[in-house]
Amino acid sequence: MTDIASYKPRKTALCEFIEIRSLKCHVRRWGPADAPPVVLLHGSRDCGATFQFLVDEFSGDHHFIAPDWRGYGRTDWNPQGYWFQDYLVDLDLMLQALVPGNPATLVGHSLGGHVAGIYAGVRPSRVSKLVALDSFGLIDSDPEEAPDRLAQFIDTWREGPESSRPYDALSQMAERLRQTNQRLTMDKALFLAAESSRRRPDGRLEWAFDPMHRAPFAIAHRKAEWAACMKRIEASVLWLASDRKSRIDAEPGGLAARAALVKHVVCDRVLDTSHNLHHDRPAEVARIVEAFLSKP
């Protein structure tokens, strides 16, 4: 099996680094610098390159900007670990550096969509449009789980996180990605494996994200706090879901009840997709997102 990342991007990314809170942050850019900017925010254990397939399917000119979060991709790891609130501060400073002045358009997947949504409620004047890809908040954490969660948090710092598994070839990493998402074609899996891995000193490969990301956040999720942020969003919002059933769908009212918290929201689903809907059907996702972004 070949180790060549056979997916050929139709749009070339330009890469740069900026400093965010003493960390060197890697940023990808696609499209004309003078086109309307769209900031792309990736999910957990991922990197900015995850949006390549989606960017390739856009028909109009946009200036796409995809940073790697702290501890992911080519961005520096943080020696002090990771708290969810760090992402909010980082995003605020990223927008100040990358999209100064005017309100920004944000597209976030999973963790990235969760951060973008909360940020849009905390800084409502800073976000003009928001697209959340299969990212509509978490379910409430059980308070009874707090002691075990905090014990695991402490143990991770005392004993160190679980080490990343080494791989001998990109094809092995690509197969690992396909185990998680069976809809992912091999050419795309190889591309993602190449972009989200790094070479170890012994010559073998490992995932590029900091193993400390495997540790739980010390602070539990509270749906009521998330909902308070959703109510303050002034941006136009598109919630785009896969057609898989999630734990949110099992809640009273399901996704519609959560969407009702947001003033200006449109909900849609993309059939035959997984959590990574922008990998499974990028042309369809791009069509829906581009139509949403084109509205005044």
Protein backbone atom coordinates (compact mmCIF):
# COMPACT_ATOMS: atom_id res chain seq x y z
CA MET A 1 0.00 0.00 0.00
CA THR A 2 1.39 3.38 -1.00
CA ASP A 3 2.45 5.97 1.53
CA ILE A 4 1.93 8.81 -0.96
CA ALA A 5 -0.87 11.19 0.04
CA SER A 6 -2.72 10.74 -3.25
CA TYR A 7 -5.40 13.39 -2.70
CA LYS A 8 -4.37 16.37 -4.82
CA PRO A 9 -5.62 19.68 -3.38
CA ARG A 10 -7.13 21.99 -5.97
CA LYS A 11 -6.34 25.05 -3.87
CA THR A 12 -2.88 25.55 -2.42
CA ALA A 13 -2.47 26.59 1.21
CA LEU A 14 0.10 29.18 2.23
CA CYS A 15 1.48 28.67 5.72
CA GLU A 16 2.80 31.08 8.31
CA PHE A 17 3.35 31.37 12.06
CA ILE A 18 2.09 34.03 14.45
CA GLU A 19 2.72 34.35 18.18
CA ILE A 20 -0.27 33.80 20.46
CA ARG A 21 0.41 34.07 24.20
CA SER A 22 4.07 33.06 23.84
CA LEU A 23 3.23 30.06 21.64
CA LYS A 24 4.15 29.84 17.97
CA CYS A 25 0.82 29.30 16.21
CA HIS A 26 0.65 27.73 12.75
CA VAL A 27 -1.84 29.22 10.29
CA ARG A 28 -2.94 28.05 6.82
CA ARG A 29 -4.43 30.43 4.27
CA TRP A 30 -6.23 29.73 1.00
CA GLY A 31 -7.57 32.17 -1.57
CA PRO A 32 -7.05 35.84 -2.40
CA ALA A 33 -5.92 37.99 0.52
CA ASP A 34 -8.42 40.69 -0.46
CA ALA A 35 -11.41 38.29 -0.54
CA PRO A 36 -13.88 38.09 2.37
CA PRO A 37 -12.13 36.29 5.26
CA VAL A 38 -13.53 33.07 6.73
CA VAL A 39 -11.84 31.64 9.84
CA LEU A 40 -11.89 27.83 10.03
CA LEU A 41 -11.57 26.22 13.47
CA HIS A 42 -10.77 22.53 13.68
CA GLY A 43 -11.87 19.92 16.21
CA SER A 44 -10.11 17.81 18.80
CA ARG A 45 -7.02 15.77 17.78
CA ASP A 46 -7.10 17.45 14.38
CA CYS A 47 -5.47 20.42 12.61
CA GLY A 48 -6.30 23.18 10.15
CA ALA A 49 -5.57 20.96 7.14
CA THR A 50 -8.78 19.06 7.91
CA PHE A 51 -10.67 21.75 5.94
CA GLN A 52 -8.75 21.21 2.68
CA PHE A 53 -11.51 19.09 1.08
CA LEU A 54 -14.15 21.68 1.99
CA VAL A 55 -12.07 24.63 0.75
CA ASP A 56 -11.51 22.86 -2.57
CA GLU A 57 -15.28 22.68 -3.17
CA PHE A 58 -16.07 26.38 -2.72
CA SER A 59 -16.90 28.06 -6.03
CA GLY A 60 -16.52 31.72 -5.05
CA ASP A 61 -13.52 33.63 -3.79
CA HIS A 62 -12.96 33.57 -0.05
CA HIS A 63 -9.87 34.13 2.06
CA PHE A 64 -9.88 31.04 4.26
CA ILE A 65 -7.76 31.17 7.44
CA ALA A 66 -7.24 27.98 9.45
CA PRO A 67 -5.09 28.14 12.60
CA ASP A 68 -3.92 25.04 14.45
CA TRP A 69 -5.07 25.26 18.07
CA ARG A 70 -2.43 25.18 20.80
CA GLY A 71 -0.94 21.70 21.07
CA TYR A 72 -2.25 20.60 17.66
CA GLY A 73 -0.72 20.33 14.20
CA ARG A 74 2.35 22.51 13.90
CA THR A 75 1.45 24.90 16.72
CA ASP A 76 3.57 24.78 19.87
CA TRP A 77 2.57 22.54 22.76
CA ASN A 78 1.76 24.27 26.04
CA PRO A 79 3.90 23.00 28.96
CA GLN A 80 1.17 23.97 31.45
CA GLY A 81 -1.49 21.82 29.82
CA TYR A 82 -4.87 22.80 28.40
CA TRP A 83 -8.02 24.40 29.76
CA PHE A 84 -11.11 25.02 27.64
CA GLN A 85 -11.02 28.73 28.46
CA ASP A 86 -7.60 28.95 26.79
CA TYR A 87 -9.25 28.43 23.41
CA LEU A 88 -11.51 31.44 23.94
CA VAL A 89 -8.58 33.72 24.77
CA ASP A 90 -6.54 32.31 21.88
CA LEU A 91 -9.41 32.86 19.44
CA ASP A 92 -9.84 36.45 20.58
CA LEU A 93 -6.15 37.15 19.98
CA MET A 94 -6.13 35.24 16.69
CA LEU A 95 -8.96 37.37 15.36
CA GLN A 96 -7.16 40.49 16.51
CA ALA A 97 -4.10 39.40 14.54
CA LEU A 98 -5.73 37.76 11.51
CA VAL A 99 -9.07 39.58 11.03
CA PRO A 100 -8.64 42.98 12.69
CA GLY A 101 -11.41 45.54 12.73
CA ASN A 102 -14.54 44.09 11.16
CA PRO A 103 -16.69 41.34 12.71
CA ALA A 104 -15.47 37.90 11.65
CA THR A 105 -17.06 34.92 9.93
CA LEU A 106 -16.33 31.69 11.84
CA VAL A 107 -16.73 28.08 10.70
CA GLY A 108 -16.02 25.54 13.42
CA HIS A 109 -16.15 21.75 13.54
CA SER A 110 -16.70 19.82 16.78
CA LEU A 111 -14.44 21.43 19.43
CA GLY A 112 -13.85 24.37 17.07
CA GLY A 113 -17.58 24.94 16.67
CA HIS A 114 -18.10 24.70 20.42
CA VAL A 115 -15.43 27.36 21.03
CA ALA A 116 -16.78 29.56 18.23
CA GLY A 117 -20.34 29.41 19.55
CA ILE A 118 -19.43 30.33 23.11
CA TYR A 119 -17.10 33.07 21.86
CA ALA A 120 -19.92 34.52 19.70
CA GLY A 121 -22.01 34.84 22.86
CA VAL A 122 -19.19 36.32 24.93
CA ARG A 123 -18.10 38.76 22.18
CA PRO A 124 -21.32 39.22 20.14
CA SER A 125 -20.04 42.30 18.30
CA ARG A 126 -16.95 40.42 17.10
CA VAL A 127 -18.75 37.70 15.08
CA SER A 128 -20.96 38.42 12.06
CA LYS A 129 -21.69 34.87 10.89
CA LEU A 130 -21.15 31.50 12.50
CA VAL A 131 -21.28 28.01 11.03
CA ALA A 132 -21.19 25.06 13.45
CA LEU A 133 -20.43 21.70 11.84
CA ASP A 134 -21.87 18.93 14.02
CA SER A 135 -21.14 21.00 17.11
CA PHE A 136 -24.10 22.07 19.23
CA GLY A 137 -22.86 22.01 22.81
CA LEU A 138 -22.24 19.09 25.14
CA ILE A 139 -24.61 17.29 27.45
CA ASP A 140 -24.49 18.13 31.16
CA SER A 141 -21.73 16.51 33.16
CA ASP A 142 -22.91 14.39 36.07
CA PRO A 143 -21.76 16.07 39.33
CA GLU A 144 -21.19 12.60 40.78
CA GLU A 145 -18.39 12.13 38.24
CA ALA A 146 -16.44 15.12 39.56
CA PRO A 147 -14.22 13.23 42.06
CA ASP A 148 -13.14 10.66 39.46
CA ARG A 149 -12.63 13.36 36.82
CA LEU A 150 -10.42 15.43 39.12
CA ALA A 151 -8.49 12.34 40.20
CA GLN A 152 -7.78 11.51 36.57
CA PHE A 153 -6.75 15.11 35.96
CA ILE A 154 -4.29 14.97 38.88
CA ASP A 155 -2.99 11.52 37.89
CA THR A 156 -2.26 12.69 34.34
CA TRP A 157 -0.01 15.43 35.68
CA ARG A 158 1.66 13.15 38.20
CA GLU A 159 2.21 10.15 35.93
CA GLY A 160 2.18 11.78 32.52
CA PRO A 161 -0.31 11.23 29.68
CA GLU A 162 -0.61 8.05 27.68
CA SER A 163 2.18 8.02 25.09
CA SER A 164 1.32 8.34 21.42
CA ARG A 165 1.46 5.06 19.55
CA PRO A 166 4.28 4.92 16.98
CA TYR A 167 3.54 3.93 13.37
CA ASP A 168 5.90 2.59 10.71
CA ALA A 169 4.04 4.04 7.73
CA LEU A 170 1.47 6.66 6.78
CA SER A 171 -0.74 3.90 5.40
CA GLN A 172 -1.11 2.51 8.94
CA MET A 173 -2.17 5.92 10.23
CA ALA A 174 -4.59 6.28 7.33
CA GLU A 175 -6.17 2.93 8.17
CA ARG A 176 -6.54 4.11 11.78
CA LEU A 177 -8.47 7.16 10.55
CA ARG A 178 -10.67 4.95 8.41
CA GLN A 179 -11.50 2.76 11.39
CA THR A 180 -12.98 5.86 13.03
CA ASN A 181 -14.76 7.02 9.86
CA GLN A 182 -15.50 4.25 7.36
CA ARG A 183 -16.75 6.79 4.82
CA LEU A 184 -13.26 8.31 4.53
CA THR A 185 -11.61 7.32 1.25
CA MET A 186 -8.01 6.12 1.31
CA ASP A 187 -6.65 9.07 -0.68
CA LYS A 188 -8.17 11.54 1.81
CA ALA A 189 -7.07 9.44 4.78
CA LEU A 190 -3.47 9.47 3.52
CA PHE A 191 -3.62 13.23 3.04
CA LEU A 192 -4.93 13.78 6.58
CA ALA A 193 -2.39 11.36 8.04
CA ALA A 194 0.45 13.21 6.35
CA GLU A 195 -0.79 16.60 7.54
CA SER A 196 -1.55 15.58 11.13
CA SER A 197 1.52 13.48 11.94
CA ARG A 198 5.13 14.15 12.77
CA ARG A 199 8.39 12.21 12.57
CA ARG A 200 9.83 10.83 15.82
CA PRO A 201 13.60 10.86 16.55
CA ASP A 202 13.70 7.11 15.78
CA GLY A 203 12.26 7.74 12.31
CA ARG A 204 8.79 6.35 13.04
CA LEU A 205 5.59 8.43 12.90
CA GLU A 206 3.14 9.63 15.54
CA TRP A 207 0.14 11.95 15.68
CA ALA A 208 1.24 15.57 15.99
CA PHE A 209 -1.08 16.57 18.83
CA ASP A 210 0.19 16.85 22.39
CA PRO A 211 -0.68 13.65 24.35
CA MET A 212 -1.84 15.93 27.20
CA HIS A 213 -4.97 16.52 25.11
CA ARG A 214 -6.03 13.03 26.17
CA ALA A 215 -6.45 14.29 29.73
CA PRO A 216 -9.95 15.44 30.73
CA PHE A 217 -10.68 19.10 31.30
CA ALA A 218 -10.70 19.72 35.05
CA ILE A 219 -13.88 21.81 34.86
CA ALA A 220 -17.08 19.90 34.07
CA HIS A 221 -19.49 21.05 31.36
CA ARG A 222 -22.62 22.89 32.45
CA LYS A 223 -25.36 23.12 29.83
CA ALA A 224 -26.99 26.11 31.55
CA GLU A 225 -23.80 28.16 31.21
CA TRP A 226 -23.49 27.18 27.53
CA ALA A 227 -27.15 28.11 26.97
CA ALA A 228 -26.59 31.56 28.49
CA CYS A 229 -23.88 32.18 25.90
CA MET A 230 -26.11 30.97 23.05
CA LYS A 231 -28.81 33.47 24.03
CA ARG A 232 -26.39 36.37 23.64
CA ILE A 233 -25.29 35.54 20.08
CA GLU A 234 -26.19 38.32 17.62
CA ALA A 235 -24.57 36.71 14.57
CA SER A 236 -26.43 34.82 11.86
CA VAL A 237 -25.90 31.14 12.66
CA LEU A 238 -25.99 27.95 10.61
CA TRP A 239 -26.08 24.69 12.55
CA LEU A 240 -25.19 21.92 10.11
CA ALA A 241 -25.54 18.38 11.44
CA SER A 242 -24.82 14.91 10.15
CA ASP A 243 -27.70 12.45 9.92
CA ARG A 244 -26.30 10.22 12.67
CA LYS A 245 -28.17 10.09 15.96
CA SER A 246 -26.41 11.75 18.88
CA ARG A 247 -27.06 12.08 22.59
CA ILE A 248 -28.41 15.58 21.94
CA ASP A 249 -31.11 14.09 19.69
CA ALA A 250 -32.23 12.00 22.69
CA GLU A 251 -32.84 15.10 24.82
CA PRO A 252 -36.39 16.53 25.10
CA GLY A 253 -36.84 18.59 21.94
CA GLY A 254 -33.54 17.39 20.55
CA LEU A 255 -31.45 19.71 18.40
CA ALA A 256 -34.42 22.02 17.71
CA ALA A 257 -34.73 22.85 21.41
CA ARG A 258 -31.09 23.88 21.55
CA ALA A 259 -31.35 25.90 18.34
CA ALA A 260 -34.31 27.80 19.81
CA LEU A 261 -31.85 29.46 22.20
CA VAL A 262 -30.21 31.32 19.30
CA LYS A 263 -31.85 34.44 17.86
CA HIS A 264 -30.91 34.05 14.18
CA VAL A 265 -30.32 30.39 13.38
CA VAL A 266 -30.87 28.01 10.49
CA CYS A 267 -30.55 24.24 10.99
CA ASP A 268 -29.88 21.63 8.32
CA ARG A 269 -28.63 18.05 8.07
CA VAL A 270 -26.40 16.41 5.48
CA LEU A 271 -27.47 12.87 4.64
CA ASP A 272 -25.09 9.90 4.66
CA THR A 273 -22.45 11.61 6.79
CA SER A 274 -20.60 10.98 10.02
CA HIS A 275 -19.41 13.45 12.63
CA ASN A 276 -16.80 14.53 10.04
CA LEU A 277 -19.40 15.62 7.50
CA HIS A 278 -16.91 17.99 5.82
CA HIS A 279 -14.81 14.92 4.92
CA ASP A 280 -17.68 12.69 3.86
CA ARG A 281 -19.57 15.07 1.55
CA PRO A 282 -17.46 18.21 1.19
CA ALA A 283 -19.20 19.36 -2.01
CA GLU A 284 -22.63 19.28 -0.35
CA VAL A 285 -21.37 20.94 2.83
CA ALA A 286 -19.61 23.64 0.78
CA ARG A 287 -22.79 24.30 -1.22
CA ILE A 288 -24.87 24.80 1.94
CA VAL A 289 -22.26 26.87 3.74
CA GLU A 290 -21.50 29.06 0.72
CA ALA A 291 -25.20 29.79 0.20
CA PHE A 292 -25.49 30.77 3.87
CA LEU A 293 -22.43 33.03 3.73
CA SER A 294 -23.68 34.76 0.58
CA LYS A 295 -26.84 36.03 2.31
CA PRO A 296 -26.68 39.64 3.58
